[in-house]
């Protein structure tokens, strides 16, 4: 597996966290991968075969591109042979405005949008191994459309900065204060833009901090981590972690140790199950 991240240019930092490329070869047999919640929404272009696995095990082929929304539970994908991905990692309160679409809470959204015309261009570049050029194409698309984003997103950006700085641990009132607005206005605009409340997104952000810590340092002390991130106690952390990941912190840490023997030290959104 190969994974690369590309920094978002200064003009897009308010709306796009980064761009990334991922390549894996699963061979002839189908292989399943788990996507964990991470506090972001992704616009995903893929080149190869990828399907979502429903609760009853049914495979649903995914078109390219599609949106992987803000998750509150793991999502399983299935693929075989070679799969390559070009993705745009967005803040959940900006992804729909970036595309000029109404917000939604779907885990996976089929994307009918003019951006889909990039698929054929990106496919040629990716198959030619010109990943930098493919990322440049996507970046330029969003630079060209940046001016269409509503000015009110400046408020959401300030709120997002406060949430990320506090790792999702501060109350909504403090976030509203940092954004120079009222709680009521912030909640209304936030839900209008993302489909979720500030509290919803903050909770996923806080889970992300725990997940990343356990991936990097599987032997971390859970009680200390709970205190650091503002959970009531270790039991509270464990309940929230299982809510978003479907597993306990201890089980995830054991899995992280095993996975890190086979992949690089950086956390990758796709984890083989």
Protein backbone atom coordinates (compact mmCIF):
# COMPACT_ATOMS: atom_id res chain seq x y z
CA UNK A 1 0.00 0.00 0.00
CA UNK A 2 1.18 3.49 -0.83
CA UNK A 3 -0.26 6.66 0.69
CA UNK A 4 0.63 10.31 0.04
CA UNK A 5 -0.85 13.55 1.37
CA UNK A 6 -0.59 16.91 -0.35
CA UNK A 7 -0.95 20.20 1.48
CA UNK A 8 -3.84 22.46 0.58
CA UNK A 9 -2.76 25.83 -0.88
CA UNK A 10 -3.23 28.88 1.32
CA UNK A 11 -6.29 30.03 -0.64
CA UNK A 12 -8.11 26.77 0.17
CA UNK A 13 -7.01 26.12 3.76
CA UNK A 14 -10.32 27.49 5.10
CA UNK A 15 -12.25 24.80 3.25
CA UNK A 16 -9.95 21.89 2.38
CA UNK A 17 -7.69 20.15 4.88
CA UNK A 18 -5.55 18.37 2.29
CA UNK A 19 -5.52 16.21 -0.82
CA UNK A 20 -4.38 12.59 -0.77
CA UNK A 21 -3.51 9.66 -2.99
CA UNK A 22 -3.72 5.99 -2.07
CA UNK A 23 -2.75 2.90 -4.02
CA UNK A 24 -3.17 -0.74 -3.08
CA UNK A 25 -3.18 -4.08 -4.89
CA UNK A 26 -5.44 -6.70 -3.32
CA UNK A 27 -4.94 -9.40 -5.92
CA UNK A 28 -7.68 -11.47 -7.54
CA UNK A 29 -9.60 -12.14 -4.33
CA UNK A 30 -11.93 -9.52 -2.86
CA UNK A 31 -10.51 -7.70 0.15
CA UNK A 32 -12.46 -5.67 2.71
CA UNK A 33 -11.34 -2.38 4.23
CA UNK A 34 -12.72 -0.41 7.12
CA UNK A 35 -13.05 3.38 7.13
CA UNK A 36 -13.16 4.88 10.60
CA UNK A 37 -14.72 8.24 11.52
CA UNK A 38 -12.14 11.01 11.47
CA UNK A 39 -13.91 14.37 11.69
CA UNK A 40 -13.73 15.10 7.96
CA UNK A 41 -15.73 14.55 4.78
CA UNK A 42 -14.04 13.26 1.63
CA UNK A 43 -14.68 13.73 -2.07
CA UNK A 44 -13.29 10.53 -3.57
CA UNK A 45 -12.25 9.72 -7.13
CA UNK A 46 -11.32 6.07 -7.56
CA UNK A 47 -9.76 4.05 -10.35
CA UNK A 48 -10.51 0.35 -10.01
CA UNK A 49 -13.34 -1.59 -8.45
CA UNK A 50 -14.74 -0.56 -5.08
CA UNK A 51 -18.07 -1.39 -3.43
CA UNK A 52 -19.67 -0.54 -0.12
CA UNK A 53 -20.71 -3.47 2.07
CA UNK A 54 -24.20 -3.12 3.51
CA UNK A 55 -25.29 -4.42 6.91
CA UNK A 56 -26.48 -7.70 5.33
CA UNK A 57 -23.25 -8.24 3.41
CA UNK A 58 -24.53 -7.05 0.04
CA UNK A 59 -22.01 -5.30 -2.22
CA UNK A 60 -23.05 -2.00 -3.81
CA UNK A 61 -20.63 -0.77 -6.52
CA UNK A 62 -19.65 2.87 -6.02
CA UNK A 63 -19.36 5.30 -8.92
CA UNK A 64 -16.55 7.80 -9.13
CA UNK A 65 -16.57 10.36 -7.69
CA UNK A 66 -18.60 9.97 -4.50
CA UNK A 67 -18.75 11.71 -1.13
CA UNK A 68 -17.77 9.93 2.06
CA UNK A 69 -19.60 12.06 4.61
CA UNK A 70 -18.85 12.71 8.25
CA UNK A 71 -19.06 9.25 9.81
CA UNK A 72 -20.34 8.23 13.21
CA UNK A 73 -19.56 4.54 12.71
CA UNK A 74 -17.16 2.47 10.57
CA UNK A 75 -17.94 1.86 6.91
CA UNK A 76 -16.77 -1.25 5.07
CA UNK A 77 -15.58 -1.17 1.47
CA UNK A 78 -14.61 -4.08 -0.72
CA UNK A 79 -12.16 -4.12 -3.61
CA UNK A 80 -9.96 -6.45 -5.61
CA UNK A 81 -7.01 -6.10 -7.95
CA UNK A 82 -5.49 -2.63 -8.10
CA UNK A 83 -7.27 0.34 -6.57
CA UNK A 84 -6.05 3.93 -6.75
CA UNK A 85 -7.73 6.92 -5.13
CA UNK A 86 -7.45 10.69 -5.45
CA UNK A 87 -9.33 12.38 -2.62
CA UNK A 88 -10.13 15.81 -1.25
CA UNK A 89 -10.34 15.92 2.53
CA UNK A 90 -12.79 18.66 3.47
CA UNK A 91 -14.09 20.06 6.71
CA UNK A 92 -17.65 18.76 7.16
CA UNK A 93 -19.03 22.31 7.32
CA UNK A 94 -17.49 23.22 3.94
CA UNK A 95 -17.82 20.18 1.66
CA UNK A 96 -21.39 20.85 0.51
CA UNK A 97 -20.85 24.58 0.03
CA UNK A 98 -17.73 23.79 -2.01
CA UNK A 99 -19.89 21.77 -4.38
CA UNK A 100 -22.96 23.99 -4.17
CA UNK A 101 -25.06 21.11 -2.86
CA UNK A 102 -27.58 20.87 -0.01
CA UNK A 103 -26.13 19.28 3.11
CA UNK A 104 -26.92 15.70 4.08
CA UNK A 105 -26.08 13.04 6.65
CA UNK A 106 -25.52 10.06 4.34
CA UNK A 107 -22.36 8.04 4.96
CA UNK A 108 -21.84 7.55 1.23
CA UNK A 109 -23.41 9.95 -1.28
CA UNK A 110 -23.51 9.45 -5.02
CA UNK A 111 -22.18 12.62 -6.56
CA UNK A 112 -23.98 14.03 -9.58
CA UNK A 113 -22.01 17.21 -10.13
CA UNK A 114 -19.89 18.95 -12.82
CA UNK A 115 -16.76 17.93 -10.89
CA UNK A 116 -17.34 14.43 -12.27
CA UNK A 117 -15.89 15.57 -15.60
CA UNK A 118 -12.46 15.35 -13.94
CA UNK A 119 -12.79 11.56 -13.76
CA UNK A 120 -11.49 10.86 -17.27
CA UNK A 121 -8.68 13.42 -16.94
CA UNK A 122 -7.55 12.06 -13.58
CA UNK A 123 -7.79 8.47 -14.79
CA UNK A 124 -5.28 9.11 -17.58
CA UNK A 125 -2.89 10.91 -15.24
CA UNK A 126 -3.13 8.29 -12.49
CA UNK A 127 -2.63 5.39 -14.88
CA UNK A 128 0.42 7.21 -16.26
CA UNK A 129 1.80 7.59 -12.75
CA UNK A 130 1.49 11.40 -12.88
CA UNK A 131 0.04 11.81 -9.41
CA UNK A 132 1.37 15.33 -8.86
CA UNK A 133 -0.35 16.46 -12.04
CA UNK A 134 -3.59 14.78 -11.00
CA UNK A 135 -3.53 16.58 -7.64
CA UNK A 136 -2.78 19.84 -9.46
CA UNK A 137 -5.87 19.35 -11.65
CA UNK A 138 -8.13 18.87 -8.64
CA UNK A 139 -6.53 21.77 -6.77
CA UNK A 140 -7.03 24.11 -9.71
CA UNK A 141 -10.69 23.10 -9.97
CA UNK A 142 -11.33 24.26 -6.42
CA UNK A 143 -9.22 27.39 -6.83
CA UNK A 144 -11.44 28.30 -9.76
CA UNK A 145 -14.64 27.76 -7.77
CA UNK A 146 -13.45 29.24 -4.47
CA UNK A 147 -15.07 32.62 -5.13
CA UNK A 148 -18.51 30.99 -5.22
CA UNK A 149 -18.41 30.06 -1.52
CA UNK A 150 -20.66 32.17 0.69
CA UNK A 151 -18.98 34.85 2.80
CA UNK A 152 -20.76 33.52 5.90
CA UNK A 153 -18.33 30.60 5.87
CA UNK A 154 -15.85 32.94 7.52
CA UNK A 155 -17.87 32.45 10.70
CA UNK A 156 -17.81 28.68 10.26
CA UNK A 157 -14.08 28.80 9.61
CA UNK A 158 -13.49 30.63 12.90
CA UNK A 159 -15.68 28.10 14.67
CA UNK A 160 -13.78 25.24 13.05
CA UNK A 161 -10.42 26.68 14.09
CA UNK A 162 -11.62 26.86 17.69
CA UNK A 163 -12.93 23.29 17.56
CA UNK A 164 -9.75 21.88 16.07
CA UNK A 165 -7.51 23.84 18.43
CA UNK A 166 -9.42 22.46 21.41
CA UNK A 167 -9.55 18.97 19.83
CA UNK A 168 -13.33 19.00 20.10
CA UNK A 169 -13.33 19.42 23.88
CA UNK A 170 -14.85 22.88 24.43
CA UNK A 171 -18.57 23.68 24.85
CA UNK A 172 -20.61 25.20 22.04
CA UNK A 173 -20.79 28.54 23.86
CA UNK A 174 -17.00 28.96 23.69
CA UNK A 175 -16.97 28.03 20.01
CA UNK A 176 -19.67 30.62 19.31
CA UNK A 177 -17.66 33.22 21.20
CA UNK A 178 -14.56 32.44 19.14
CA UNK A 179 -16.66 32.81 15.97
CA UNK A 180 -18.10 36.15 17.19
CA UNK A 181 -21.67 34.96 16.96
CA UNK A 182 -24.45 33.58 19.12
CA UNK A 183 -24.93 29.89 19.92
CA UNK A 184 -28.27 29.89 18.12
CA UNK A 185 -26.85 31.44 14.94
CA UNK A 186 -23.82 29.16 14.96
CA UNK A 187 -25.90 26.02 15.40
CA UNK A 188 -28.28 27.04 12.63
CA UNK A 189 -25.53 27.88 10.13
CA UNK A 190 -23.46 24.86 11.12
CA UNK A 191 -26.27 22.39 10.62
CA UNK A 192 -27.29 24.11 7.38
CA UNK A 193 -23.77 23.70 6.02
CA UNK A 194 -22.85 20.26 7.34
CA UNK A 195 -26.07 18.48 8.24
CA UNK A 196 -24.73 18.03 11.77
CA UNK A 197 -24.63 20.00 15.03
CA UNK A 198 -21.47 21.49 16.49
CA UNK A 199 -21.67 18.90 19.27
CA UNK A 200 -21.88 16.05 16.74
CA UNK A 201 -18.73 17.15 14.95
CA UNK A 202 -16.85 17.95 18.16
CA UNK A 203 -17.51 14.44 19.44
CA UNK A 204 -16.06 12.87 16.29
CA UNK A 205 -13.05 15.20 16.49
CA UNK A 206 -12.39 14.07 20.04
CA UNK A 207 -12.69 10.41 19.02
CA UNK A 208 -10.19 11.13 16.24
CA UNK A 209 -7.64 12.33 18.81
CA UNK A 210 -7.99 9.09 20.78
CA UNK A 211 -7.81 6.99 17.62
CA UNK A 212 -4.66 8.73 16.38
CA UNK A 213 -3.00 8.48 19.78
CA UNK A 214 -3.68 4.76 20.05
CA UNK A 215 -2.51 4.19 16.49
CA UNK A 216 0.76 6.01 17.12
CA UNK A 217 1.23 4.92 20.73
CA UNK A 218 -0.77 1.71 21.31
CA UNK A 219 0.47 1.47 24.93
CA UNK A 220 -0.99 4.85 25.90
CA UNK A 221 -2.61 5.10 29.32
CA UNK A 222 -6.37 5.34 28.73
CA UNK A 223 -7.14 7.03 32.04
CA UNK A 224 -4.60 9.75 31.29
CA UNK A 225 -5.91 10.11 27.75
CA UNK A 226 -9.47 10.46 29.05
CA UNK A 227 -8.38 13.25 31.40
CA UNK A 228 -6.37 15.03 28.69
CA UNK A 229 -9.27 15.07 26.23
CA UNK A 230 -11.99 16.01 28.68
CA UNK A 231 -13.88 12.74 29.01
CA UNK A 232 -15.57 12.19 32.37
CA UNK A 233 -13.43 9.11 33.01
CA UNK A 234 -11.90 6.09 31.26
CA UNK A 235 -15.28 4.36 31.01
CA UNK A 236 -16.72 7.39 29.21
CA UNK A 237 -13.83 7.34 26.74
CA UNK A 238 -14.28 3.61 26.14
CA UNK A 239 -18.02 3.95 25.49
CA UNK A 240 -17.52 6.79 23.03
CA UNK A 241 -14.66 4.98 21.31
CA UNK A 242 -16.76 1.85 20.83
CA UNK A 243 -19.65 3.97 19.59
CA UNK A 244 -17.58 5.37 16.72
CA UNK A 245 -15.23 2.47 15.99
CA UNK A 246 -17.30 -0.58 16.85
CA UNK A 247 -14.49 -1.88 19.05
CA UNK A 248 -12.86 -1.14 22.39
CA UNK A 249 -9.76 1.07 22.75
CA UNK A 250 -7.76 -1.96 23.94
CA UNK A 251 -8.78 -4.06 20.93
CA UNK A 252 -7.98 -1.18 18.57
CA UNK A 253 -4.54 -0.74 20.19
CA UNK A 254 -3.76 -4.43 19.71
CA UNK A 255 -4.83 -4.18 16.08
CA UNK A 256 -2.69 -1.07 15.63
CA UNK A 257 0.39 -2.93 16.83
CA UNK A 258 -0.28 -5.68 14.32
CA UNK A 259 -1.02 -3.32 11.42
CA UNK A 260 2.05 -1.17 12.04
CA UNK A 261 4.25 -4.16 11.44
CA UNK A 262 3.03 -4.19 7.86
CA UNK A 263 2.47 -0.49 7.00
CA UNK A 264 4.17 2.83 7.65
CA UNK A 265 3.80 4.77 10.87
CA UNK A 266 1.22 7.23 9.55
CA UNK A 267 -2.45 6.53 10.13
CA UNK A 268 -4.23 5.76 6.89
CA UNK A 269 -8.00 6.06 6.61
CA UNK A 270 -8.31 2.55 5.13
CA UNK A 271 -7.59 -0.32 7.54
CA UNK A 272 -7.80 -3.91 6.39
CA UNK A 273 -10.17 -6.13 8.36
